C-alpha atoms as a PDB file:
ATOM      1  CA  MET A   1      -2.073  30.394  -1.651  1.00  0.00           C
ATOM      2  CA  SER A   2      -3.791  33.419  -0.093  1.00  0.00           C
ATOM      3  CA  ASP A   3      -6.620  33.671   2.437  1.00  0.00           C
ATOM      4  CA  THR A   4      -8.832  34.801  -0.462  1.00  0.00           C
ATOM      5  CA  ALA A   5      -8.182  31.505  -2.249  1.00  0.00           C
ATOM      6  CA  ALA A   6      -9.014  29.680   0.979  1.00  0.00           C
ATOM      7  CA  VAL A   7     -12.495  31.234   0.906  1.00  0.00           C
ATOM      8  CA  LYS A   8     -12.876  30.512  -2.815  1.00  0.00           C
ATOM      9  CA  TYR A   9     -12.437  26.758  -2.433  1.00  0.00           C
ATOM     10  CA  LYS A  10     -14.691  26.350   0.600  1.00  0.00           C
ATOM     11  CA  MET A  11     -17.524  24.753  -1.369  1.00  0.00           C
ATOM     12  CA  HIS A  12     -15.194  22.448  -3.304  1.00  0.00           C
ATOM     13  CA  LEU A  13     -13.618  20.992  -0.170  1.00  0.00           C
ATOM     14  CA  THR A  14     -16.969  20.728   1.583  1.00  0.00           C
ATOM     15  CA  VAL A  15     -18.500  18.694  -1.244  1.00  0.00           C
ATOM     16  CA  PHE A  16     -15.387  16.521  -1.518  1.00  0.00           C
ATOM     17  CA  GLY A  17     -15.467  15.948   2.242  1.00  0.00           C
ATOM     18  CA  VAL A  18     -19.122  14.903   2.184  1.00  0.00           C
ATOM     19  CA  LEU A  19     -18.440  12.458  -0.650  1.00  0.00           C
ATOM     20  CA  LEU A  20     -15.539  10.965   1.297  1.00  0.00           C
ATOM     21  CA  ALA A  21     -17.726  10.608   4.388  1.00  0.00           C
ATOM     22  CA  VAL A  22     -20.327   8.686   2.356  1.00  0.00           C
ATOM     23  CA  TRP A  23     -17.533   6.591   0.825  1.00  0.00           C
ATOM     24  CA  GLY A  24     -16.245   5.775   4.305  1.00  0.00           C
ATOM     25  CA  ALA A  25     -19.723   4.933   5.613  1.00  0.00           C
ATOM     26  CA  PHE A  26     -20.175   2.282   2.912  1.00  0.00           C
ATOM     27  CA  GLY A  27     -16.714   0.964   3.722  1.00  0.00           C
ATOM     28  CA  TRP A  28     -17.573   0.693   7.427  1.00  0.00           C
ATOM     29  CA  ILE A  29     -20.556  -1.500   6.560  1.00  0.00           C
ATOM     30  CA  ASP A  30     -18.339  -3.671   4.348  1.00  0.00           C
ATOM     31  CA  VAL A  31     -16.001  -4.598   7.222  1.00  0.00           C
ATOM     32  CA  GLN A  32     -18.219  -7.594   8.019  1.00  0.00           C
ATOM     33  CA  ASN A  33     -17.372  -9.009   4.580  1.00  0.00           C
ATOM     34  CA  TYR A  34     -13.608  -8.933   5.100  1.00  0.00           C
ATOM     35  CA  ALA A  35     -12.111 -12.404   4.819  1.00  0.00           C
ATOM     36  CA  GLN A  36      -9.266 -13.046   7.237  1.00  0.00           C
ATOM     37  CA  GLY A  37      -6.134 -14.901   6.193  1.00  0.00           C
ATOM     38  CA  GLY A  38      -3.872 -13.732   8.967  1.00  0.00           C
ATOM     39  CA  TRP A  39      -0.410 -13.187   7.496  1.00  0.00           C
ATOM     40  CA  ASN A  40       1.802 -10.230   6.625  1.00  0.00           C
ATOM     41  CA  THR A  41       4.707 -10.050   4.184  1.00  0.00           C
ATOM     42  CA  ASP A  42       7.695  -7.781   3.637  1.00  0.00           C
ATOM     43  CA  GLY A  43       6.229  -6.527   0.351  1.00  0.00           C
ATOM     44  CA  ASN A  44       8.318  -9.045  -1.553  1.00  0.00           C
ATOM     45  CA  ASN A  45       6.322 -12.218  -0.768  1.00  0.00           C
ATOM     46  CA  THR A  46       8.324 -13.323   2.271  1.00  0.00           C
ATOM     47  CA  VAL A  47       6.084 -13.913   5.293  1.00  0.00           C
ATOM     48  CA  THR A  48       7.079 -11.703   8.232  1.00  0.00           C
ATOM     49  CA  GLN A  49       4.178 -12.424  10.589  1.00  0.00           C
ATOM     50  CA  VAL A  50       1.502 -15.071  11.077  1.00  0.00           C
ATOM     51  CA  LEU A  51      -1.263 -13.989  13.432  1.00  0.00           C
ATOM     52  CA  PRO A  52      -2.098 -16.364  16.304  1.00  0.00           C
ATOM     53  CA  GLY A  53      -5.355 -18.223  15.809  1.00  0.00           C
ATOM     54  CA  SER A  54      -5.603 -17.231  12.155  1.00  0.00           C
ATOM     55  CA  PRO A  55      -6.371 -19.510   9.175  1.00  0.00           C
ATOM     56  CA  ALA A  56      -2.771 -18.990   8.026  1.00  0.00           C
ATOM     57  CA  GLU A  57      -1.458 -20.380  11.309  1.00  0.00           C
ATOM     58  CA  ALA A  58      -3.894 -23.304  11.152  1.00  0.00           C
ATOM     59  CA  SER A  59      -2.597 -24.163   7.672  1.00  0.00           C
ATOM     60  CA  GLY A  60       1.002 -24.292   8.875  1.00  0.00           C
ATOM     61  CA  LEU A  61       2.258 -21.078   7.248  1.00  0.00           C
ATOM     62  CA  GLN A  62       5.357 -19.767   9.038  1.00  0.00           C
ATOM     63  CA  ALA A  63       7.324 -16.555   9.217  1.00  0.00           C
ATOM     64  CA  GLY A  64      10.188 -16.764   6.731  1.00  0.00           C
ATOM     65  CA  ASP A  65       8.200 -18.705   4.128  1.00  0.00           C
ATOM     66  CA  TYR A  66       8.531 -17.330   0.611  1.00  0.00           C
ATOM     67  CA  ILE A  67       5.143 -17.430  -1.147  1.00  0.00           C
ATOM     68  CA  GLN A  68       5.478 -18.533  -4.771  1.00  0.00           C
ATOM     69  CA  SER A  69       1.792 -18.686  -5.644  1.00  0.00           C
ATOM     70  CA  LEU A  70      -1.631 -17.987  -4.137  1.00  0.00           C
ATOM     71  CA  GLY A  71      -4.665 -19.925  -5.312  1.00  0.00           C
ATOM     72  CA  GLY A  72      -2.863 -21.130  -8.406  1.00  0.00           C
ATOM     73  CA  ILE A  73      -1.590 -17.678  -9.427  1.00  0.00           C
ATOM     74  CA  SER A  74       2.073 -16.790  -9.282  1.00  0.00           C
ATOM     75  CA  THR A  75       2.814 -13.928  -6.899  1.00  0.00           C
ATOM     76  CA  THR A  76       4.751 -12.221  -9.696  1.00  0.00           C
ATOM     77  CA  ASP A  77       1.688 -12.177 -11.976  1.00  0.00           C
ATOM     78  CA  ALA A  78       0.367  -8.801 -10.834  1.00  0.00           C
ATOM     79  CA  GLU A  79      -2.395  -8.609 -13.440  1.00  0.00           C
ATOM     80  CA  ALA A  80      -3.895 -12.003 -12.625  1.00  0.00           C
ATOM     81  CA  MET A  81      -3.669 -11.300  -8.900  1.00  0.00           C
ATOM     82  CA  SER A  82      -5.392  -7.966  -9.359  1.00  0.00           C
ATOM     83  CA  ARG A  83      -8.160  -9.349 -11.558  1.00  0.00           C
ATOM     84  CA  ARG A  84      -8.989 -12.106  -9.070  1.00  0.00           C
ATOM     85  CA  GLY A  85      -9.867  -9.593  -6.368  1.00  0.00           C
ATOM     86  CA  ARG A  86     -10.204 -10.234  -2.674  1.00  0.00           C
ATOM     87  CA  PRO A  87     -11.003 -13.662  -1.224  1.00  0.00           C
ATOM     88  CA  LYS A  88     -14.445 -14.517   0.148  1.00  0.00           C
ATOM     89  CA  ILE A  89     -15.171 -15.966   3.573  1.00  0.00           C
ATOM     90  CA  GLY A  90     -14.941 -19.748   3.317  1.00  0.00           C
ATOM     91  CA  GLU A  91     -12.856 -19.654   0.143  1.00  0.00           C
ATOM     92  CA  ILE A  92      -9.803 -21.928   0.041  1.00  0.00           C
ATOM     93  CA  TRP A  93      -6.540 -20.850  -1.547  1.00  0.00           C
ATOM     94  CA  GLU A  94      -3.616 -23.154  -2.141  1.00  0.00           C
ATOM     95  CA  PHE A  95      -0.340 -21.579  -1.021  1.00  0.00           C
ATOM     96  CA  VAL A  96       2.842 -22.817  -2.637  1.00  0.00           C
ATOM     97  CA  VAL A  97       5.724 -21.730  -0.427  1.00  0.00           C
ATOM     98  CA  GLU A  98       9.460 -22.208  -0.326  1.00  0.00           C
ATOM     99  CA  ARG A  99      10.817 -23.060   3.117  1.00  0.00           C
ATOM    100  CA  ASP A 100      14.443 -23.956   3.860  1.00  0.00           C
ATOM    101  CA  GLY A 101      15.044 -24.755   0.213  1.00  0.00           C
ATOM    102  CA  ALA A 102      12.054 -27.081  -0.086  1.00  0.00           C
ATOM    103  CA  VAL A 103       8.735 -26.315  -1.801  1.00  0.00           C
ATOM    104  CA  THR A 104       5.524 -27.229  -0.021  1.00  0.00           C
ATOM    105  CA  SER A 105       1.793 -26.706  -0.546  1.00  0.00           C
ATOM    106  CA  LEU A 106      -0.646 -25.428   2.074  1.00  0.00           C
ATOM    107  CA  ASP A 107      -4.415 -24.848   2.001  1.00  0.00           C
ATOM    108  CA  VAL A 108      -5.674 -21.683   3.704  1.00  0.00           C
ATOM    109  CA  THR A 109      -9.414 -21.377   4.336  1.00  0.00           C
ATOM    110  CA  PHE A 110     -10.316 -17.721   4.750  1.00  0.00           C
ATOM    111  CA  GLY A 111     -12.530 -17.066   7.731  1.00  0.00           C
ATOM    112  CA  GLU A 112     -14.526 -14.238   9.245  1.00  0.00           C
ATOM    113  CA  PRO A 113     -12.408 -11.497  10.826  1.00  0.00           C
ATOM    114  CA  VAL A 114     -11.829 -12.099  14.527  1.00  0.00           C
ATOM    115  CA  ALA A 115     -12.857  -9.441  17.053  1.00  0.00           C
ATOM    116  CA  GLN A 116      -9.374  -7.892  17.098  1.00  0.00           C
ATOM    117  CA  ARG A 117      -9.294  -7.531  13.319  1.00  0.00           C
ATOM    118  CA  LYS A 118     -12.741  -5.923  13.297  1.00  0.00           C
ATOM    119  CA  LEU A 119     -11.632  -3.569  16.057  1.00  0.00           C
ATOM    120  CA  ILE A 120      -8.531  -2.546  14.085  1.00  0.00           C
ATOM    121  CA  ALA A 121     -10.585  -2.046  10.925  1.00  0.00           C
ATOM    122  CA  HIS A 122     -13.184   0.090  12.683  1.00  0.00           C
ATOM    123  CA  ALA A 123     -10.480   2.052  14.507  1.00  0.00           C
ATOM    124  CA  GLY A 124      -9.004   2.866  11.112  1.00  0.00           C
ATOM    125  CA  PHE A 125     -12.332   4.279   9.991  1.00  0.00           C
ATOM    126  CA  VAL A 126     -12.565   6.333  13.192  1.00  0.00           C
ATOM    127  CA  ALA A 127      -9.136   7.791  12.394  1.00  0.00           C
ATOM    128  CA  GLY A 128     -10.272   8.615   8.868  1.00  0.00           C
ATOM    129  CA  PHE A 129     -13.450  10.325  10.059  1.00  0.00           C
ATOM    130  CA  CYS A 130     -11.395  12.278  12.623  1.00  0.00           C
ATOM    131  CA  PHE A 131      -9.081  13.571   9.883  1.00  0.00           C
ATOM    132  CA  LEU A 132     -12.071  14.499   7.780  1.00  0.00           C
ATOM    133  CA  GLY A 133     -14.295  15.956  10.476  1.00  0.00           C
ATOM    134  CA  PHE A 134     -11.863  17.923  12.632  1.00  0.00           C
ATOM    135  CA  ALA A 135      -9.952  19.395   9.689  1.00  0.00           C
ATOM    136  CA  LEU A 136     -13.085  20.500   7.855  1.00  0.00           C
ATOM    137  CA  PHE A 137     -14.596  21.882  11.070  1.00  0.00           C
ATOM    138  CA  ALA A 138     -11.574  24.149  11.577  1.00  0.00           C
ATOM    139  CA  TYR A 139     -11.790  25.260   7.954  1.00  0.00           C
ATOM    140  CA  MET A 140     -15.505  26.010   8.221  1.00  0.00           C
ATOM    141  CA  LYS A 141     -14.882  28.148  11.309  1.00  0.00           C
ATOM    142  CA  LYS A 142     -12.327  30.360   9.601  1.00  0.00           C
ATOM    143  CA  GLN A 143     -10.922  30.316   6.085  1.00  0.00           C
ATOM    144  CA  THR A 144      -7.208  31.054   6.098  1.00  0.00           C
ATOM    145  CA  GLU A 145      -4.234  29.616   4.265  1.00  0.00           C
ATOM    146  CA  ALA A 146      -3.481  27.496   7.336  1.00  0.00           C
ATOM    147  CA  THR A 147      -6.996  26.080   7.734  1.00  0.00           C
ATOM    148  CA  MET A 148      -7.147  25.488   3.979  1.00  0.00           C
ATOM    149  CA  ALA A 149      -3.921  23.467   4.188  1.00  0.00           C
ATOM    150  CA  LEU A 150      -5.317  21.592   7.184  1.00  0.00           C
ATOM    151  CA  ALA A 151      -8.556  20.827   5.319  1.00  0.00           C
ATOM    152  CA  MET A 152      -6.562  19.510   2.357  1.00  0.00           C
ATOM    153  CA  THR A 153      -4.528  17.344   4.730  1.00  0.00           C
ATOM    154  CA  GLY A 154      -7.633  15.970   6.403  1.00  0.00           C
ATOM    155  CA  THR A 155      -9.659  15.257   3.289  1.00  0.00           C
ATOM    156  CA  PHE A 156      -6.799  13.786   1.260  1.00  0.00           C
ATOM    157  CA  PHE A 157      -5.235  11.860   4.130  1.00  0.00           C
ATOM    158  CA  SER A 158      -8.544  10.398   5.283  1.00  0.00           C
ATOM    159  CA  LEU A 159      -8.392   8.057   2.284  1.00  0.00           C
ATOM    160  CA  PHE A 160      -5.450   6.342   3.978  1.00  0.00           C
ATOM    161  CA  PHE A 161      -7.960   5.024   6.529  1.00  0.00           C
ATOM    162  CA  LEU A 162     -11.350   5.111   4.800  1.00  0.00           C
ATOM    163  CA  ASN A 163     -11.655   2.011   2.670  1.00  0.00           C
ATOM    164  CA  GLY A 164     -14.729   2.466   0.538  1.00  0.00           C
ATOM    165  CA  PRO A 165     -17.167  -0.145  -0.738  1.00  0.00           C
ATOM    166  CA  TYR A 166     -15.676  -3.089  -2.587  1.00  0.00           C
ATOM    167  CA  PHE A 167     -16.200  -3.136  -6.343  1.00  0.00           C
ATOM    168  CA  GLU A 168     -16.545  -6.541  -7.936  1.00  0.00           C
ATOM    169  CA  GLY A 169     -15.767  -5.078 -11.362  1.00  0.00           C
ATOM    170  CA  TYR A 170     -12.045  -5.132 -12.078  1.00  0.00           C
ATOM    171  CA  MET A 171     -11.926  -1.835 -13.993  1.00  0.00           C
ATOM    172  CA  MET A 172     -13.872   0.187 -11.433  1.00  0.00           C
ATOM    173  CA  ARG A 173     -11.884  -1.315  -8.559  1.00  0.00           C
ATOM    174  CA  THR A 174      -8.582  -0.599 -10.273  1.00  0.00           C
ATOM    175  CA  ILE A 175      -9.373   3.011 -11.190  1.00  0.00           C
ATOM    176  CA  PHE A 176     -10.567   3.924  -7.690  1.00  0.00           C
ATOM    177  CA  ASN A 177      -7.559   2.205  -6.156  1.00  0.00           C
ATOM    178  CA  ALA A 178      -5.124   4.113  -8.375  1.00  0.00           C
ATOM    179  CA  LEU A 179      -6.826   7.481  -7.763  1.00  0.00           C
ATOM    180  CA  GLY A 180      -6.907   6.780  -4.044  1.00  0.00           C
ATOM    181  CA  TRP A 181      -3.136   6.376  -3.870  1.00  0.00           C
ATOM    182  CA  ILE A 182      -2.537   9.631  -5.731  1.00  0.00           C
ATOM    183  CA  ILE A 183      -4.893  11.497  -3.407  1.00  0.00           C
ATOM    184  CA  MET A 184      -3.318   9.919  -0.322  1.00  0.00           C
ATOM    185  CA  PHE A 185       0.141  11.122  -1.332  1.00  0.00           C
ATOM    186  CA  MET A 186      -1.281  14.600  -1.899  1.00  0.00           C
ATOM    187  CA  GLY A 187      -2.433  14.389   1.707  1.00  0.00           C
ATOM    188  CA  VAL A 188       1.070  13.529   2.888  1.00  0.00           C
ATOM    189  CA  ALA A 189       2.422  16.590   1.071  1.00  0.00           C
ATOM    190  CA  SER A 190      -0.399  18.788   2.412  1.00  0.00           C
ATOM    191  CA  MET A 191       0.563  17.710   5.927  1.00  0.00           C
ATOM    192  CA  TRP A 192       3.997  19.262   5.501  1.00  0.00           C
ATOM    193  CA  TYR A 193       2.463  22.271   3.719  1.00  0.00           C
ATOM    194  CA  PHE A 194       0.237  22.973   6.725  1.00  0.00           C
ATOM    195  CA  LEU A 195       3.211  22.932   9.081  1.00  0.00           C
ATOM    196  CA  LEU A 196       5.033  25.356   6.772  1.00  0.00           C
ATOM    197  CA  VAL A 197       2.216  27.920   6.978  1.00  0.00           C
ATOM    198  CA  TYR A 198       1.221  27.539  10.623  1.00  0.00           C
ATOM    199  CA  PRO A 199       1.791  29.300  12.953  1.00  0.00           C
ATOM    200  CA  THR A 200       3.854  31.551  10.667  1.00  0.00           C
ATOM    201  CA  ARG A 201       4.388  31.236   6.946  1.00  0.00           C
ATOM    202  CA  SER A 202       7.809  29.844   6.041  1.00  0.00           C
ATOM    203  CA  ALA A 203      10.001  31.991   3.816  1.00  0.00           C
ATOM    204  CA  TYR A 204      10.545  28.883   1.692  1.00  0.00           C
ATOM    205  CA  LEU A 205       7.017  29.206   0.298  1.00  0.00           C
ATOM    206  CA  ASP A 206       7.868  32.626  -1.144  1.00  0.00           C
ATOM    207  CA  LYS A 207      10.387  31.072  -3.520  1.00  0.00           C
ATOM    208  CA  PRO A 208       9.345  30.549  -7.162  1.00  0.00           C
ATOM    209  CA  ASN A 209       7.542  27.222  -7.660  1.00  0.00           C
ATOM    210  CA  ALA A 210       7.979  26.370  -3.955  1.00  0.00           C
ATOM    211  CA  ARG A 211       4.604  24.657  -3.633  1.00  0.00           C
ATOM    212  CA  ARG A 212       5.110  22.736  -6.874  1.00  0.00           C
ATOM    213  CA  MET A 213       8.441  21.481  -5.565  1.00  0.00           C
ATOM    214  CA  LEU A 214       6.802  20.549  -2.273  1.00  0.00           C
ATOM    215  CA  TYR A 215       4.081  18.481  -3.932  1.00  0.00           C
ATOM    216  CA  ALA A 216       6.083  17.081  -6.869  1.00  0.00           C
ATOM    217  CA  PRO A 217       7.743  14.108  -5.083  1.00  0.00           C
ATOM    218  CA  ALA A 218       4.394  13.057  -3.595  1.00  0.00           C
ATOM    219  CA  LEU A 219       2.751  13.255  -7.010  1.00  0.00           C
ATOM    220  CA  VAL A 220       5.544  11.179  -8.552  1.00  0.00           C
ATOM    221  CA  ALA A 221       5.187   8.536  -5.833  1.00  0.00           C
ATOM    222  CA  GLY A 222       1.405   8.461  -6.248  1.00  0.00           C
ATOM    223  CA  LEU A 223       1.677   8.175 -10.026  1.00  0.00           C
ATOM    224  CA  PHE A 224       4.235   5.379  -9.685  1.00  0.00           C
ATOM    225  CA  VAL A 225       1.886   3.352  -7.466  1.00  0.00           C
ATOM    226  CA  ALA A 226      -1.003   4.134  -9.823  1.00  0.00           C
ATOM    227  CA  TYR A 227       1.108   2.908 -12.764  1.00  0.00           C
ATOM    228  CA  ARG A 228       1.724  -0.397 -11.013  1.00  0.00           C
ATOM    229  CA  ILE A 229      -1.986  -0.766 -10.314  1.00  0.00           C
ATOM    230  CA  LEU A 230      -3.163   0.134 -13.816  1.00  0.00           C
ATOM    231  CA  ALA A 231      -0.373  -1.355 -15.941  1.00  0.00           C
ATOM    232  CA  THR A 232       0.252  -4.358 -13.626  1.00  0.00           C
ATOM    233  CA  PRO A 233       3.878  -5.021 -14.668  1.00  0.00           C
ATOM    234  CA  GLU A 234       5.338  -8.321 -13.511  1.00  0.00           C
ATOM    235  CA  ALA A 235       5.923  -8.092  -9.749  1.00  0.00           C
ATOM    236  CA  THR A 236       9.527  -9.254  -9.773  1.00  0.00           C
ATOM    237  CA  ALA A 237      11.654  -9.180  -6.633  1.00  0.00           C
ATOM    238  CA  GLY A 238      13.665  -6.301  -8.087  1.00  0.00           C
ATOM    239  CA  LEU A 239      10.591  -4.184  -8.841  1.00  0.00           C
ATOM    240  CA  ASN A 240       9.033  -4.929  -5.444  1.00  0.00           C
ATOM    241  CA  THR A 241      12.228  -3.947  -3.643  1.00  0.00           C
ATOM    242  CA  PHE A 242      12.606  -0.771  -5.704  1.00  0.00           C
ATOM    243  CA  ALA A 243       8.964   0.170  -5.074  1.00  0.00           C
ATOM    244  CA  ASN A 244       9.297  -0.328  -1.312  1.00  0.00           C
ATOM    245  CA  ILE A 245      12.411   1.829  -1.148  1.00  0.00           C
ATOM    246  CA  PHE A 246      11.256   4.492  -3.613  1.00  0.00           C
ATOM    247  CA  VAL A 247       7.706   5.004  -2.351  1.00  0.00           C
ATOM    248  CA  GLY A 248       8.543   4.366   1.292  1.00  0.00           C
ATOM    249  CA  GLY A 249      11.557   6.676   1.084  1.00  0.00           C
ATOM    250  CA  ILE A 250       9.483   9.555  -0.282  1.00  0.00           C
ATOM    251  CA  ALA A 251       6.785   9.073   2.364  1.00  0.00           C
ATOM    252  CA  SER A 252       9.449   8.880   5.094  1.00  0.00           C
ATOM    253  CA  ALA A 253      10.998  12.136   3.859  1.00  0.00           C
ATOM    254  CA  TYR A 254       7.657  13.941   4.199  1.00  0.00           C
ATOM    255  CA  PHE A 255       7.093  12.622   7.707  1.00  0.00           C
ATOM    256  CA  ILE A 256      10.623  13.458   8.837  1.00  0.00           C
ATOM    257  CA  GLY A 257      10.392  16.901   7.222  1.00  0.00           C
ATOM    258  CA  SER A 258       7.105  17.515   9.042  1.00  0.00           C
ATOM    259  CA  LEU A 259       8.639  16.541  12.373  1.00  0.00           C
ATOM    260  CA  ILE A 260      11.619  18.860  11.837  1.00  0.00           C
ATOM    261  CA  THR A 261       9.358  21.733  10.764  1.00  0.00           C
ATOM    262  CA  VAL A 262       7.050  21.536  13.776  1.00  0.00           C
ATOM    263  CA  TYR A 263      10.022  21.323  16.138  1.00  0.00           C
ATOM    264  CA  LYS A 264      11.634  24.401  14.563  1.00  0.00           C
ATOM    265  CA  SER A 265       8.378  26.352  14.853  1.00  0.00           C
ATOM    266  CA  PHE A 266       8.035  25.378  18.495  1.00  0.00           C
ATOM    267  CA  ASN A 267      11.676  26.070  19.344  1.00  0.00           C
ATOM    268  CA  SER A 268      11.693  29.527  17.748  1.00  0.00           C
ATOM    269  CA  ALA A 269       8.462  30.698  19.409  1.00  0.00           C
ATOM    270  CA  SER A 270       8.236  32.452  22.758  1.00  0.00           C
ATOM    271  CA  ALA A 271       6.418  30.860  25.689  1.00  0.00           C
ATOM    272  CA  ALA A 272       3.516  33.262  25.161  1.00  0.00           C
ATOM    273  CA  ASP A 273       3.251  32.424  21.450  1.00  0.00           C
ATOM    274  CA  ARG A 274       3.427  28.697  22.157  1.00  0.00           C
ATOM    275  CA  ASP A 275       0.397  29.051  24.378  1.00  0.00           C
ATOM    276  CA  SER A 276      -1.609  31.515  22.262  1.00  0.00           C
ATOM    277  CA  GLN A 277      -0.994  29.677  18.984  1.00  0.00           C
ATOM    278  CA  GLY A 278      -1.498  26.190  20.370  1.00  0.00           C
ATOM    279  CA  LEU A 279       2.062  25.107  19.608  1.00  0.00           C
ATOM    280  CA  ASN A 280       2.186  22.860  22.672  1.00  0.00           C
ATOM    281  CA  LEU A 281      -0.778  20.936  21.270  1.00  0.00           C
ATOM    282  CA  LEU A 282       0.742  20.953  17.807  1.00  0.00           C
ATOM    283  CA  LEU A 283       4.073  19.553  19.008  1.00  0.00           C
ATOM    284  CA  VAL A 284       2.618  16.822  21.223  1.00  0.00           C
ATOM    285  CA  GLY A 285       0.076  15.738  18.604  1.00  0.00           C
ATOM    286  CA  THR A 286       2.701  15.630  15.860  1.00  0.00           C
ATOM    287  CA  LEU A 287       5.316  13.739  17.874  1.00  0.00           C
ATOM    288  CA  VAL A 288       2.923  11.178  19.329  1.00  0.00           C
ATOM    289  CA  GLY A 289       0.975  10.870  16.090  1.00  0.00           C
ATOM    290  CA  ILE A 290       3.801  10.642  13.577  1.00  0.00           C
ATOM    291  CA  LEU A 291       6.797   9.121  15.396  1.00  0.00           C
ATOM    292  CA  PRO A 292       5.445   5.560  15.832  1.00  0.00           C
ATOM    293  CA  PHE A 293       4.169   5.401  12.249  1.00  0.00           C
ATOM    294  CA  ALA A 294       7.322   7.019  10.843  1.00  0.00           C
ATOM    295  CA  ALA A 295       9.490   4.550  12.761  1.00  0.00           C
ATOM    296  CA  GLY A 296       7.507   1.626  11.352  1.00  0.00           C
ATOM    297  CA  LEU A 297       7.726   3.092   7.859  1.00  0.00           C
ATOM    298  CA  VAL A 298      11.501   3.538   8.032  1.00  0.00           C
ATOM    299  CA  VAL A 299      11.941  -0.019   9.332  1.00  0.00           C
ATOM    300  CA  ASN A 300       9.696  -1.317   6.541  1.00  0.00           C
ATOM    301  CA  VAL A 301      11.863   0.450   3.946  1.00  0.00           C
ATOM    302  CA  PHE A 302      15.294  -0.538   5.227  1.00  0.00           C
ATOM    303  CA  ALA A 303      14.567  -3.754   7.162  1.00  0.00           C
ATOM    304  CA  PRO A 304      11.238  -5.064   5.796  1.00  0.00           C
ATOM    305  CA  GLN A 305      11.499  -8.441   7.526  1.00  0.00           C
ATOM    306  CA  VAL A 306      11.661  -6.857  10.993  1.00  0.00           C
ATOM    307  CA  VAL A 307       8.336  -6.726  12.874  1.00  0.00           C
ATOM    308  CA  LEU A 308       8.213  -4.102  15.616  1.00  0.00           C
ATOM    309  CA  PRO A 309       6.210  -4.906  18.779  1.00  0.00           C
ATOM    310  CA  GLY A 310       2.593  -3.823  18.360  1.00  0.00           C
ATOM    311  CA  GLN A 311       3.280  -2.473  14.857  1.00  0.00           C
ATOM    312  CA  ASN A 312      -0.258  -3.265  13.679  1.00  0.00           C
ATOM    313  CA  PHE A 313      -1.592  -0.683  16.142  1.00  0.00           C
ATOM    314  CA  TYR A 314       0.806   2.215  15.459  1.00  0.00           C
ATOM    315  CA  PHE A 315      -1.696   3.915  13.188  1.00  0.00           C
ATOM    316  CA  LEU A 316      -3.999   4.547  16.178  1.00  0.00           C
ATOM    317  CA  ALA A 317      -1.664   7.307  17.360  1.00  0.00           C
ATOM    318  CA  PHE A 318      -2.488   9.163  14.137  1.00  0.00           C
ATOM    319  CA  ILE A 319      -5.880  10.095  15.582  1.00  0.00           C
ATOM    320  CA  LEU A 320      -4.131  12.702  17.728  1.00  0.00           C
ATOM    321  CA  ILE A 321      -2.986  14.634  14.654  1.00  0.00           C
ATOM    322  CA  PRO A 322      -6.327  15.950  13.326  1.00  0.00           C
ATOM    323  CA  ILE A 323      -7.597  16.580  16.855  1.00  0.00           C
ATOM    324  CA  THR A 324      -4.585  18.536  18.144  1.00  0.00           C
ATOM    325  CA  TRP A 325      -3.875  20.344  14.872  1.00  0.00           C
ATOM    326  CA  SER A 326      -7.458  21.541  14.592  1.00  0.00           C
ATOM    327  CA  MET A 327      -7.474  22.673  18.224  1.00  0.00           C
ATOM    328  CA  ALA A 328      -4.178  24.489  17.706  1.00  0.00           C
ATOM    329  CA  VAL A 329      -5.170  26.335  14.535  1.00  0.00           C
ATOM    330  CA  LEU A 330      -8.537  27.367  16.020  1.00  0.00           C
ATOM    331  CA  LYS A 331      -6.800  28.595  19.150  1.00  0.00           C
ATOM    332  CA  GLY A 332      -4.421  30.647  17.028  1.00  0.00           C
ATOM    333  CA  ALA A 333      -7.293  31.992  14.936  1.00  0.00           C
ATOM    334  CA  SER A 334      -9.068  33.210  18.070  1.00  0.00           C
ATOM    335  CA  VAL A 335      -6.186  35.506  19.041  1.00  0.00           C
ATOM    336  CA  PRO A 336      -7.124  39.067  18.026  1.00  0.00           C
ATOM    337  CA  GLU A 337      -4.786  40.719  15.568  1.00  0.00           C
ATOM    338  CA  GLN A 338      -2.581  43.397  17.040  1.00  0.00           C
ATOM    339  CA  PRO A 339      -2.856  46.886  15.542  1.00  0.00           C
ATOM    340  CA  ALA A 340       0.085  47.917  13.427  1.00  0.00           C
ATOM    341  CA  GLU A 341       2.630  50.206  15.062  1.00  0.00           C
ATOM    342  CA  PHE A 342       3.765  53.367  13.317  1.00  0.00           C
END
């Protein structure tokens, strides 16, 4: 992608960014309608965490319980679970769980989100708006291949945090959910793409089909998740385990690749270049922003029943990424080009 192409798509990304901002604004308002249950699973219906003071704790749900059904619907019946939609505040679901070889029934009454849950939800939106705002601001200031890649990262990745308005209609909800996952994975790939073009363009990108190869695994992962959402195959233990490893493994590879790339760029640059191109900011923002989340992702893939201390808050470190990356690329863009030597 050339700097000329970066100018060409300015309007497209601007309009897309505005639409995402509106989408996120409606989602922010909807936070008050979230119904809190207060449990987390390993992705395969085994409870890994029950939040203190939550309805799940009040019902007697415990870590290690295997959930067989929720509100009369088997946890393997993906289509029925998807069609039911999210619970409402005050709604009661019967949980049938297996614990120590015995099957028991529990009633969970969903309540209003506690202050901590609201804070986490709103913090997620702040992170999404930071990705969107800072990345697009850098792109508006100067259109280059690097700022274009950063804008793609910010707009696509913001969907990871910006939950939009809730759709009661099953079809509309399902389509937007599937598209959202595809776009989010494009953001993960764009993150690595940005680090391959800034501060200097990697020779890898000059290879035939390099960008297609860079984005292909992310597209496959996004399409796989979209397939599960749209086709709703039976959520068997085998499929759930495969999905966690396959999708989580691809995402982990992008994060690890991004960390290696930014370290190599920093290590190969001179002290003067690190300062003029904002590489100190880039390195700190990437390490602090990605490492906690990447660690949690790797643990979730290979040891899904392990809960790291404070894991629910790891995503907050992500806010540093759009801020420091935008500052770095604008700092590099402000350095005047040196005249060619003959």
